[in-house]
């Protein structure tokens, strides 16, 4: 029975994968707002009722695609920091940012699904939260490595300027086992996370067209600026 069940599970996974692959083609051709289960079924030679056994609704299929995209991007960031190591946190930071940018440029339609305009009528469920956090947690891990190596410079921000609500948000961000990054750093990390994806989105969605030609040079310089905002410094220049 175990062998039979295993074969059934593999067959189901293969069909679900084919459905998602076809849905991604539809996303590229027509955008997420026009994703249609009936159209996907038709292209695969399936009856709609058969497809509904895998994804009961358009939103279920969208959620699966969104989770896959976030996870693919998260794996890319995690692989980048694993390859670079954290002995030099500033280098690790740069490698992670470069890897995220490359993935976005190589997968523009999947990137648009997770960082583009919201899909009308779709509300992302809780299932998407953990996958969406993977890149942020990699950036946090780099900052943690810098803190442990005593090369993380805390920002000079008076306590009087801090906001209680922001402090609570920050505490949630830092509720990860083993992390001891100073609380003052966390707002910078949250802001830089948003700035990184804003920078990438401008490139993916054509906002630099006819304005910035050397986008790679701009990206490289800005990544260092973002690292500086967080407090990452080469060891010899850390205050």
Protein backbone atom coordinates (compact mmCIF):
# COMPACT_ATOMS: atom_id res chain seq x y z
CA UNK A 1 0.00 0.00 0.00
CA UNK A 2 2.88 2.35 0.78
CA UNK A 3 4.34 1.90 -2.71
CA UNK A 4 0.96 2.53 -4.34
CA UNK A 5 0.33 5.61 -2.21
CA UNK A 6 3.80 6.91 -3.03
CA UNK A 7 3.13 6.50 -6.74
CA UNK A 8 -0.18 8.30 -6.41
CA UNK A 9 1.46 11.16 -4.54
CA UNK A 10 4.15 11.50 -7.22
CA UNK A 11 1.55 11.46 -9.98
CA UNK A 12 -0.50 14.09 -8.19
CA UNK A 13 2.58 16.28 -7.69
CA UNK A 14 3.44 15.97 -11.38
CA UNK A 15 -0.04 17.06 -12.45
CA UNK A 16 -0.06 19.93 -9.96
CA UNK A 17 3.34 20.99 -11.28
CA UNK A 18 2.08 20.93 -14.87
CA UNK A 19 -0.92 23.05 -13.86
CA UNK A 20 1.32 25.61 -12.19
CA UNK A 21 3.71 25.68 -15.16
CA UNK A 22 0.81 26.38 -17.52
CA UNK A 23 -0.53 29.03 -15.15
CA UNK A 24 2.86 30.76 -15.17
CA UNK A 25 2.72 30.88 -18.96
CA UNK A 26 -0.68 32.50 -18.69
CA UNK A 27 0.67 35.00 -16.18
CA UNK A 28 3.43 35.94 -18.62
CA UNK A 29 0.98 36.32 -21.51
CA UNK A 30 -1.97 38.00 -19.81
CA UNK A 31 -1.13 38.93 -16.22
CA UNK A 32 -2.35 37.61 -12.89
CA UNK A 33 -5.68 39.43 -13.02
CA UNK A 34 -6.73 37.35 -16.04
CA UNK A 35 -5.62 33.98 -14.70
CA UNK A 36 -8.34 31.46 -15.55
CA UNK A 37 -8.57 27.87 -14.35
CA UNK A 38 -10.70 27.01 -17.36
CA UNK A 39 -8.07 28.37 -19.73
CA UNK A 40 -5.31 26.47 -17.92
CA UNK A 41 -7.36 23.26 -18.07
CA UNK A 42 -8.05 23.77 -21.77
CA UNK A 43 -4.35 24.23 -22.59
CA UNK A 44 -3.51 21.05 -20.67
CA UNK A 45 -6.29 19.05 -22.30
CA UNK A 46 -8.05 18.58 -18.96
CA UNK A 47 -11.68 19.06 -18.08
CA UNK A 48 -12.21 21.86 -15.57
CA UNK A 49 -13.65 19.51 -12.97
CA UNK A 50 -10.40 17.52 -12.96
CA UNK A 51 -8.31 20.63 -12.42
CA UNK A 52 -10.52 21.72 -9.52
CA UNK A 53 -9.47 18.58 -7.65
CA UNK A 54 -5.97 20.09 -7.48
CA UNK A 55 -6.85 23.75 -7.08
CA UNK A 56 -10.47 24.35 -6.04
CA UNK A 57 -10.41 28.02 -7.06
CA UNK A 58 -8.39 30.62 -8.92
CA UNK A 59 -7.27 32.01 -5.56
CA UNK A 60 -5.92 28.62 -4.50
CA UNK A 61 -3.86 28.45 -7.67
CA UNK A 62 -2.67 32.04 -7.23
CA UNK A 63 -1.62 31.29 -3.66
CA UNK A 64 0.37 28.26 -4.80
CA UNK A 65 2.13 30.36 -7.45
CA UNK A 66 2.85 33.14 -4.96
CA UNK A 67 4.25 30.73 -2.37
CA UNK A 68 6.41 29.08 -5.03
CA UNK A 69 7.76 32.47 -6.16
CA UNK A 70 8.55 33.63 -2.64
CA UNK A 71 10.23 30.32 -1.86
CA UNK A 72 12.29 30.39 -5.06
CA UNK A 73 13.47 33.90 -4.24
CA UNK A 74 14.13 32.89 -0.64
CA UNK A 75 16.22 29.90 -1.70
CA UNK A 76 18.18 32.19 -4.03
CA UNK A 77 19.02 34.54 -1.14
CA UNK A 78 19.84 31.67 1.21
CA UNK A 79 22.11 30.03 -1.36
CA UNK A 80 23.89 33.33 -1.93
CA UNK A 81 24.72 33.84 1.74
CA UNK A 82 25.72 30.18 2.10
CA UNK A 83 28.10 30.54 -0.84
CA UNK A 84 29.56 33.85 0.32
CA UNK A 85 29.76 32.90 3.99
CA UNK A 86 29.43 35.48 6.75
CA UNK A 87 33.10 35.98 7.62
CA UNK A 88 32.84 39.22 5.64
CA UNK A 89 29.27 40.42 6.32
CA UNK A 90 29.53 43.35 3.91
CA UNK A 91 30.44 40.98 1.06
CA UNK A 92 27.67 38.58 2.08
CA UNK A 93 25.17 41.46 2.07
CA UNK A 94 26.22 42.49 -1.44
CA UNK A 95 26.05 38.93 -2.76
CA UNK A 96 22.55 38.41 -1.37
CA UNK A 97 21.31 41.66 -2.91
CA UNK A 98 22.88 40.80 -6.27
CA UNK A 99 21.31 37.34 -6.23
CA UNK A 100 17.86 38.76 -5.45
CA UNK A 101 18.20 41.25 -8.32
CA UNK A 102 19.31 38.55 -10.77
CA UNK A 103 16.36 36.36 -9.84
CA UNK A 104 13.95 39.24 -10.36
CA UNK A 105 15.39 40.09 -13.77
CA UNK A 106 15.39 36.42 -14.81
CA UNK A 107 11.80 35.87 -13.56
CA UNK A 108 10.00 39.18 -14.17
CA UNK A 109 6.49 37.73 -14.28
CA UNK A 110 6.91 35.79 -11.05
CA UNK A 111 8.49 38.86 -9.47
CA UNK A 112 5.52 40.94 -10.62
CA UNK A 113 3.17 38.43 -9.02
CA UNK A 114 4.71 38.97 -5.58
CA UNK A 115 5.92 42.58 -5.78
CA UNK A 116 3.73 44.12 -8.47
CA UNK A 117 0.20 45.48 -8.34
CA UNK A 118 -2.27 43.56 -6.13
CA UNK A 119 -4.52 41.14 -8.01
CA UNK A 120 -8.10 42.49 -7.94
CA UNK A 121 -10.33 40.42 -5.67
CA UNK A 122 -7.46 38.37 -4.23
CA UNK A 123 -6.44 38.48 -0.56
CA UNK A 124 -3.24 36.64 0.30
CA UNK A 125 -3.73 34.09 3.11
CA UNK A 126 -1.46 33.52 6.10
CA UNK A 127 0.28 30.76 4.13
CA UNK A 128 2.23 33.40 2.20
CA UNK A 129 3.71 35.18 5.22
CA UNK A 130 6.58 32.81 6.06
CA UNK A 131 7.76 32.43 2.44
CA UNK A 132 7.58 36.22 1.99
CA UNK A 133 9.86 36.70 5.00
CA UNK A 134 12.73 34.54 3.79
CA UNK A 135 14.79 37.30 2.17
CA UNK A 136 14.31 39.58 5.18
CA UNK A 137 15.55 36.81 7.47
CA UNK A 138 18.65 36.35 5.31
CA UNK A 139 19.41 40.08 5.61
CA UNK A 140 18.82 39.80 9.35
CA UNK A 141 21.24 36.86 9.51
CA UNK A 142 23.93 38.94 7.79
CA UNK A 143 23.40 41.76 10.28
CA UNK A 144 23.56 39.22 13.11
CA UNK A 145 26.88 37.91 11.80
CA UNK A 146 28.23 41.45 11.68
CA UNK A 147 27.03 42.07 15.23
CA UNK A 148 28.72 38.91 16.48
CA UNK A 149 31.94 39.95 14.72
CA UNK A 150 31.67 43.41 16.32
CA UNK A 151 31.55 45.14 12.91
CA UNK A 152 27.97 46.41 13.13
CA UNK A 153 27.76 50.12 13.89
CA UNK A 154 24.59 51.14 15.71
CA UNK A 155 22.87 54.22 14.28
CA UNK A 156 23.10 57.39 16.31
CA UNK A 157 19.36 57.90 16.91
CA UNK A 158 18.19 59.48 20.20
CA UNK A 159 15.81 57.30 22.21
CA UNK A 160 13.34 60.21 22.33
CA UNK A 161 12.78 59.85 18.59
CA UNK A 162 11.66 56.23 18.79
CA UNK A 163 7.99 55.32 18.53
CA UNK A 164 6.35 52.68 20.81
CA UNK A 165 4.37 51.09 17.95
CA UNK A 166 7.48 50.84 15.79
CA UNK A 167 9.36 49.30 18.71
CA UNK A 168 6.70 46.58 18.98
CA UNK A 169 6.88 45.90 15.23
CA UNK A 170 10.64 45.66 15.56
CA UNK A 171 10.39 43.17 18.40
CA UNK A 172 8.24 40.93 16.21
CA UNK A 173 10.79 41.20 13.42
CA UNK A 174 13.54 40.10 15.78
CA UNK A 175 11.67 37.20 17.37
CA UNK A 176 13.97 34.67 15.76
CA UNK A 177 15.88 32.09 17.84
CA UNK A 178 19.51 33.02 18.35
CA UNK A 179 19.31 36.59 17.10
CA UNK A 180 20.73 39.35 19.27
CA UNK A 181 20.94 42.24 16.79
CA UNK A 182 20.47 45.50 18.73
CA UNK A 183 16.89 46.74 18.65
CA UNK A 184 17.99 50.06 17.22
CA UNK A 185 19.20 48.30 14.09
CA UNK A 186 15.88 46.63 13.30
CA UNK A 187 14.04 49.70 11.96
CA UNK A 188 16.96 50.24 9.61
CA UNK A 189 16.72 46.62 8.46
CA UNK A 190 12.98 46.92 7.84
CA UNK A 191 13.45 50.13 5.85
CA UNK A 192 16.37 48.75 3.84
CA UNK A 193 14.40 45.60 3.01
CA UNK A 194 11.73 47.82 1.44
CA UNK A 195 14.32 50.00 -0.31
CA UNK A 196 16.04 46.99 -1.84
CA UNK A 197 12.83 45.78 -3.45
CA UNK A 198 11.88 49.30 -4.47
CA UNK A 199 15.22 49.59 -6.26
CA UNK A 200 14.71 46.26 -8.01
CA UNK A 201 11.08 47.05 -8.88
CA UNK A 202 12.08 50.29 -10.60
CA UNK A 203 14.35 48.24 -12.85
CA UNK A 204 11.99 45.32 -13.47
CA UNK A 205 8.99 47.55 -14.21
CA UNK A 206 10.85 49.95 -16.49
CA UNK A 207 10.91 53.06 -14.31
CA UNK A 208 14.54 53.69 -15.28
CA UNK A 209 13.87 53.60 -19.02
CA UNK A 210 15.26 56.70 -20.73
CA UNK A 211 16.59 57.84 -17.35
CA UNK A 212 19.26 55.46 -16.01
CA UNK A 213 21.40 53.54 -18.49
CA UNK A 214 23.95 51.84 -16.24
CA UNK A 215 21.50 50.20 -13.86
CA UNK A 216 24.00 47.68 -12.57
CA UNK A 217 26.36 50.45 -11.45
CA UNK A 218 23.49 52.24 -9.72
CA UNK A 219 22.47 49.01 -8.02
CA UNK A 220 25.98 48.24 -6.80
CA UNK A 221 26.43 51.72 -5.35
CA UNK A 222 23.01 51.74 -3.71
CA UNK A 223 23.55 48.31 -2.14
CA UNK A 224 26.57 49.74 -0.33
CA UNK A 225 24.53 52.75 0.77
CA UNK A 226 21.85 50.41 2.16
CA UNK A 227 24.50 48.36 3.96
CA UNK A 228 25.85 51.56 5.51
CA UNK A 229 22.34 52.49 6.67
CA UNK A 230 22.06 49.19 8.51
CA UNK A 231 25.46 49.66 10.12
CA UNK A 232 27.57 47.26 8.08
CA UNK A 233 31.15 48.43 7.77
CA UNK A 234 34.46 46.89 6.78
CA UNK A 235 36.11 45.81 10.04
CA UNK A 236 38.93 48.32 9.79
CA UNK A 237 36.57 51.34 9.55
CA UNK A 238 33.99 50.32 12.16
CA UNK A 239 33.72 52.85 14.97
